Amino acid sequence: MVKMEGVISSLNSLRCSFKQLHRKFINMKVKISTKERFHVISIEEPVLTANMAEELGNVCLSFLQNEVKNVVLNMQEVKEVDLKAAEVVLSIQQKFYDNNCSFVIFCINKDIEKKLDENELLDMMNITPTESEAWDIIQMEEIERELLGGDE
């Protein structure tokens, strides 16, 4: 268990970090919220382009420097994703797993899901229907990392 003082200190530093991170999303509408073990980034744009995905990647990867490292990406408002953007999101996900952290995407539109499947990307992405299920995946992956000794 984490000591309460450490949690409070982490939350205070995260508040400052979030203000800085939110400013980085100059060309993209997003909402960032923090839960106990993960950050939720909600994209509030109808289209996710490659440039936007690169911008998203820079912000997501900065979370790897925080105490709470896991990220959940809410795609509920996104209606279209270009192929390059999907590839960038996949590379972001891989960087999280390379760093023993979780990156889960939820609430993907059926058309986007179909496009990802047609381009053989769907099976490589960690996608779930709801935020609750994303949280379940993060919990299971954290337990797995602890059991395998990968969570240092």
C-alpha atoms as a PDB file:
ATOM      1  CA  MET A   1       0.000   0.000   0.000  1.00  0.00           C
ATOM      2  CA  VAL A   2       1.151   3.511  -0.757  1.00  0.00           C
ATOM      3  CA  LYS A   3       1.561   5.850   2.193  1.00  0.00           C
ATOM      4  CA  MET A   4      -1.060   8.610   2.405  1.00  0.00           C
ATOM      5  CA  GLU A   5       1.574  11.377   2.444  1.00  0.00           C
ATOM      6  CA  GLY A   6       3.011  10.087  -0.820  1.00  0.00           C
ATOM      7  CA  VAL A   7      -0.434  10.021  -2.409  1.00  0.00           C
ATOM      8  CA  ILE A   8      -1.190  13.597  -1.372  1.00  0.00           C
ATOM      9  CA  SER A   9       2.195  14.804  -2.617  1.00  0.00           C
ATOM     10  CA  SER A  10       1.690  12.976  -5.904  1.00  0.00           C
ATOM     11  CA  LEU A  11      -1.782  14.452  -6.376  1.00  0.00           C
ATOM     12  CA  ASN A  12      -0.471  17.966  -5.786  1.00  0.00           C
ATOM     13  CA  SER A  13       2.306  17.518  -8.333  1.00  0.00           C
ATOM     14  CA  LEU A  14      -0.151  15.957 -10.782  1.00  0.00           C
ATOM     15  CA  ARG A  15      -2.402  19.018 -10.589  1.00  0.00           C
ATOM     16  CA  CYS A  16       0.475  21.170 -11.809  1.00  0.00           C
ATOM     17  CA  SER A  17       1.422  18.607 -14.459  1.00  0.00           C
ATOM     18  CA  PHE A  18      -2.144  18.421 -15.780  1.00  0.00           C
ATOM     19  CA  LYS A  19      -2.336  22.159 -16.249  1.00  0.00           C
ATOM     20  CA  GLN A  20       0.886  22.017 -18.244  1.00  0.00           C
ATOM     21  CA  LEU A  21      -0.206  18.946 -20.198  1.00  0.00           C
ATOM     22  CA  HIS A  22      -3.592  20.386 -21.017  1.00  0.00           C
ATOM     23  CA  ARG A  23      -1.886  23.442 -22.506  1.00  0.00           C
ATOM     24  CA  LYS A  24       0.023  21.126 -24.868  1.00  0.00           C
ATOM     25  CA  PHE A  25      -3.263  20.187 -26.549  1.00  0.00           C
ATOM     26  CA  ILE A  26      -3.426  23.498 -28.378  1.00  0.00           C
ATOM     27  CA  ASN A  27      -4.878  22.140 -31.613  1.00  0.00           C
ATOM     28  CA  MET A  28      -6.987  19.398 -30.137  1.00  0.00           C
ATOM     29  CA  LYS A  29      -9.915  19.312 -27.724  1.00  0.00           C
ATOM     30  CA  VAL A  30      -9.376  16.782 -24.950  1.00  0.00           C
ATOM     31  CA  LYS A  31     -10.395  16.237 -21.386  1.00  0.00           C
ATOM     32  CA  ILE A  32      -7.919  14.735 -18.932  1.00  0.00           C
ATOM     33  CA  SER A  33      -9.058  13.245 -15.656  1.00  0.00           C
ATOM     34  CA  THR A  34      -7.193  11.177 -13.107  1.00  0.00           C
ATOM     35  CA  LYS A  35      -8.393   8.153 -11.250  1.00  0.00           C
ATOM     36  CA  GLU A  36      -6.533   6.266  -8.545  1.00  0.00           C
ATOM     37  CA  ARG A  37      -4.462   4.094 -10.914  1.00  0.00           C
ATOM     38  CA  PHE A  38      -4.864   5.663 -14.370  1.00  0.00           C
ATOM     39  CA  HIS A  39      -5.472   8.811 -16.379  1.00  0.00           C
ATOM     40  CA  VAL A  40      -8.436   9.083 -18.735  1.00  0.00           C
ATOM     41  CA  ILE A  41      -7.841  11.125 -21.862  1.00  0.00           C
ATOM     42  CA  SER A  42     -11.077  11.835 -23.687  1.00  0.00           C
ATOM     43  CA  ILE A  43     -10.672  13.066 -27.239  1.00  0.00           C
ATOM     44  CA  GLU A  44     -13.411  15.586 -27.939  1.00  0.00           C
ATOM     45  CA  GLU A  45     -12.900  15.809 -31.691  1.00  0.00           C
ATOM     46  CA  PRO A  46     -14.829  14.015 -34.462  1.00  0.00           C
ATOM     47  CA  VAL A  47     -11.669  13.200 -36.462  1.00  0.00           C
ATOM     48  CA  LEU A  48      -8.286  11.974 -35.253  1.00  0.00           C
ATOM     49  CA  THR A  49      -5.564  12.830 -37.773  1.00  0.00           C
ATOM     50  CA  ALA A  50      -1.935  11.706 -37.781  1.00  0.00           C
ATOM     51  CA  ASN A  51      -0.760  15.122 -36.542  1.00  0.00           C
ATOM     52  CA  MET A  52      -3.264  15.046 -33.718  1.00  0.00           C
ATOM     53  CA  ALA A  53      -2.201  11.509 -32.816  1.00  0.00           C
ATOM     54  CA  GLU A  54       1.449  12.632 -32.672  1.00  0.00           C
ATOM     55  CA  GLU A  55       0.423  15.460 -30.335  1.00  0.00           C
ATOM     56  CA  LEU A  56      -1.587  12.987 -28.264  1.00  0.00           C
ATOM     57  CA  GLY A  57       1.441  10.700 -28.114  1.00  0.00           C
ATOM     58  CA  ASN A  58       3.675  13.423 -26.729  1.00  0.00           C
ATOM     59  CA  VAL A  59       1.226  14.089 -23.931  1.00  0.00           C
ATOM     60  CA  CYS A  60       0.468  10.425 -23.187  1.00  0.00           C
ATOM     61  CA  LEU A  61       4.143   9.504 -23.039  1.00  0.00           C
ATOM     62  CA  SER A  62       4.792  12.286 -20.542  1.00  0.00           C
ATOM     63  CA  PHE A  63       2.583  10.358 -18.093  1.00  0.00           C
ATOM     64  CA  LEU A  64       5.279   7.680 -17.961  1.00  0.00           C
ATOM     65  CA  GLN A  65       7.229  10.131 -15.772  1.00  0.00           C
ATOM     66  CA  ASN A  66       4.415  10.340 -13.169  1.00  0.00           C
ATOM     67  CA  GLU A  67       3.595   8.047 -10.287  1.00  0.00           C
ATOM     68  CA  VAL A  68       0.283   7.150 -11.975  1.00  0.00           C
ATOM     69  CA  LYS A  69       1.493   5.910 -15.351  1.00  0.00           C
ATOM     70  CA  ASN A  70      -1.427   4.010 -16.887  1.00  0.00           C
ATOM     71  CA  VAL A  71      -3.555   5.708 -19.552  1.00  0.00           C
ATOM     72  CA  VAL A  72      -7.066   5.003 -20.779  1.00  0.00           C
ATOM     73  CA  LEU A  73      -8.047   6.646 -24.060  1.00  0.00           C
ATOM     74  CA  ASN A  74     -11.731   7.492 -24.493  1.00  0.00           C
ATOM     75  CA  MET A  75     -12.631   7.568 -28.194  1.00  0.00           C
ATOM     76  CA  GLN A  76     -16.390   8.069 -27.763  1.00  0.00           C
ATOM     77  CA  GLU A  77     -16.516  11.398 -29.650  1.00  0.00           C
ATOM     78  CA  VAL A  78     -14.212  10.268 -32.466  1.00  0.00           C
ATOM     79  CA  LYS A  79     -16.066   9.261 -35.620  1.00  0.00           C
ATOM     80  CA  GLU A  80     -13.110   8.937 -38.000  1.00  0.00           C
ATOM     81  CA  VAL A  81      -9.438   7.996 -37.674  1.00  0.00           C
ATOM     82  CA  ASP A  82      -6.979   8.072 -40.533  1.00  0.00           C
ATOM     83  CA  LEU A  83      -4.738   5.043 -40.944  1.00  0.00           C
ATOM     84  CA  LYS A  84      -1.533   6.861 -39.977  1.00  0.00           C
ATOM     85  CA  ALA A  85      -3.202   8.106 -36.770  1.00  0.00           C
ATOM     86  CA  ALA A  86      -4.186   4.537 -35.885  1.00  0.00           C
ATOM     87  CA  GLU A  87      -0.593   3.417 -36.421  1.00  0.00           C
ATOM     88  CA  VAL A  88       0.642   6.231 -34.163  1.00  0.00           C
ATOM     89  CA  VAL A  89      -1.819   5.213 -31.421  1.00  0.00           C
ATOM     90  CA  LEU A  90      -0.602   1.621 -31.735  1.00  0.00           C
ATOM     91  CA  SER A  91       3.007   2.790 -31.320  1.00  0.00           C
ATOM     92  CA  ILE A  92       1.999   4.815 -28.230  1.00  0.00           C
ATOM     93  CA  GLN A  93       0.400   1.702 -26.771  1.00  0.00           C
ATOM     94  CA  GLN A  94       3.563  -0.307 -27.434  1.00  0.00           C
ATOM     95  CA  LYS A  95       5.742   2.287 -25.691  1.00  0.00           C
ATOM     96  CA  PHE A  96       3.541   2.005 -22.605  1.00  0.00           C
ATOM     97  CA  TYR A  97       3.892  -1.772 -22.529  1.00  0.00           C
ATOM     98  CA  ASP A  98       7.649  -1.478 -23.123  1.00  0.00           C
ATOM     99  CA  ASN A  99       7.697   0.581 -19.903  1.00  0.00           C
ATOM    100  CA  ASN A 100       5.591  -1.902 -17.883  1.00  0.00           C
ATOM    101  CA  CYS A 101       2.535   0.360 -18.005  1.00  0.00           C
ATOM    102  CA  SER A 102      -0.952  -0.087 -19.405  1.00  0.00           C
ATOM    103  CA  PHE A 103      -2.603   1.761 -22.284  1.00  0.00           C
ATOM    104  CA  VAL A 104      -6.216   0.831 -22.988  1.00  0.00           C
ATOM    105  CA  ILE A 105      -8.596   2.329 -25.551  1.00  0.00           C
ATOM    106  CA  PHE A 106     -12.333   2.273 -25.019  1.00  0.00           C
ATOM    107  CA  CYS A 107     -15.586   3.290 -26.653  1.00  0.00           C
ATOM    108  CA  ILE A 108     -14.479   2.989 -30.275  1.00  0.00           C
ATOM    109  CA  ASN A 109     -17.009   3.684 -33.006  1.00  0.00           C
ATOM    110  CA  LYS A 110     -17.997   0.592 -35.059  1.00  0.00           C
ATOM    111  CA  ASP A 111     -16.782   2.184 -38.325  1.00  0.00           C
ATOM    112  CA  ILE A 112     -13.377   2.845 -36.803  1.00  0.00           C
ATOM    113  CA  GLU A 113     -13.282  -0.680 -35.421  1.00  0.00           C
ATOM    114  CA  LYS A 114     -14.060  -2.035 -38.901  1.00  0.00           C
ATOM    115  CA  LYS A 115     -11.321   0.115 -40.473  1.00  0.00           C
ATOM    116  CA  LEU A 116      -8.797  -1.073 -37.885  1.00  0.00           C
ATOM    117  CA  ASP A 117      -9.792  -4.681 -38.535  1.00  0.00           C
ATOM    118  CA  GLU A 118      -9.518  -4.279 -42.320  1.00  0.00           C
ATOM    119  CA  ASN A 119      -6.008  -2.889 -41.879  1.00  0.00           C
ATOM    120  CA  GLU A 120      -5.006  -5.649 -39.442  1.00  0.00           C
ATOM    121  CA  LEU A 121      -4.539  -3.250 -36.509  1.00  0.00           C
ATOM    122  CA  LEU A 122      -7.525  -4.163 -34.356  1.00  0.00           C
ATOM    123  CA  ASP A 123      -6.055  -7.351 -32.902  1.00  0.00           C
ATOM    124  CA  MET A 124      -2.850  -5.528 -31.913  1.00  0.00           C
ATOM    125  CA  MET A 125      -4.680  -2.826 -29.954  1.00  0.00           C
ATOM    126  CA  ASN A 126      -5.916  -3.118 -26.397  1.00  0.00           C
ATOM    127  CA  ILE A 127      -9.552  -2.083 -26.932  1.00  0.00           C
ATOM    128  CA  THR A 128     -12.544  -2.525 -24.661  1.00  0.00           C
ATOM    129  CA  PRO A 129     -16.140  -1.263 -24.830  1.00  0.00           C
ATOM    130  CA  THR A 130     -16.267   0.648 -21.524  1.00  0.00           C
ATOM    131  CA  GLU A 131     -14.097   2.547 -19.063  1.00  0.00           C
ATOM    132  CA  SER A 132     -15.023   0.033 -16.377  1.00  0.00           C
ATOM    133  CA  GLU A 133     -13.632  -2.802 -18.484  1.00  0.00           C
ATOM    134  CA  ALA A 134     -10.517  -0.738 -19.221  1.00  0.00           C
ATOM    135  CA  TRP A 135     -10.009  -0.408 -15.446  1.00  0.00           C
ATOM    136  CA  ASP A 136     -10.411  -4.181 -15.100  1.00  0.00           C
ATOM    137  CA  ILE A 137      -7.701  -4.728 -17.726  1.00  0.00           C
ATOM    138  CA  ILE A 138      -5.342  -2.332 -15.955  1.00  0.00           C
ATOM    139  CA  GLN A 139      -5.893  -4.135 -12.644  1.00  0.00           C
ATOM    140  CA  MET A 140      -5.241  -7.531 -14.237  1.00  0.00           C
ATOM    141  CA  GLU A 141      -2.107  -6.273 -15.992  1.00  0.00           C
ATOM    142  CA  GLU A 142      -0.771  -4.763 -12.767  1.00  0.00           C
ATOM    143  CA  ILE A 143      -1.319  -8.057 -10.953  1.00  0.00           C
ATOM    144  CA  GLU A 144       0.392  -9.899 -13.811  1.00  0.00           C
ATOM    145  CA  ARG A 145       3.392  -7.532 -13.667  1.00  0.00           C
ATOM    146  CA  GLU A 146       3.643  -8.004  -9.886  1.00  0.00           C
ATOM    147  CA  LEU A 147       3.526 -11.798 -10.230  1.00  0.00           C
ATOM    148  CA  LEU A 148       6.136 -11.759 -12.984  1.00  0.00           C
ATOM    149  CA  GLY A 149       8.333  -9.315 -11.094  1.00  0.00           C
ATOM    150  CA  GLY A 150       8.090  -6.679 -13.854  1.00  0.00           C
ATOM    151  CA  ASP A 151       6.631  -3.887 -11.707  1.00  0.00           C
ATOM    152  CA  GLU A 152       9.667  -2.261 -10.111  1.00  0.00           C
END
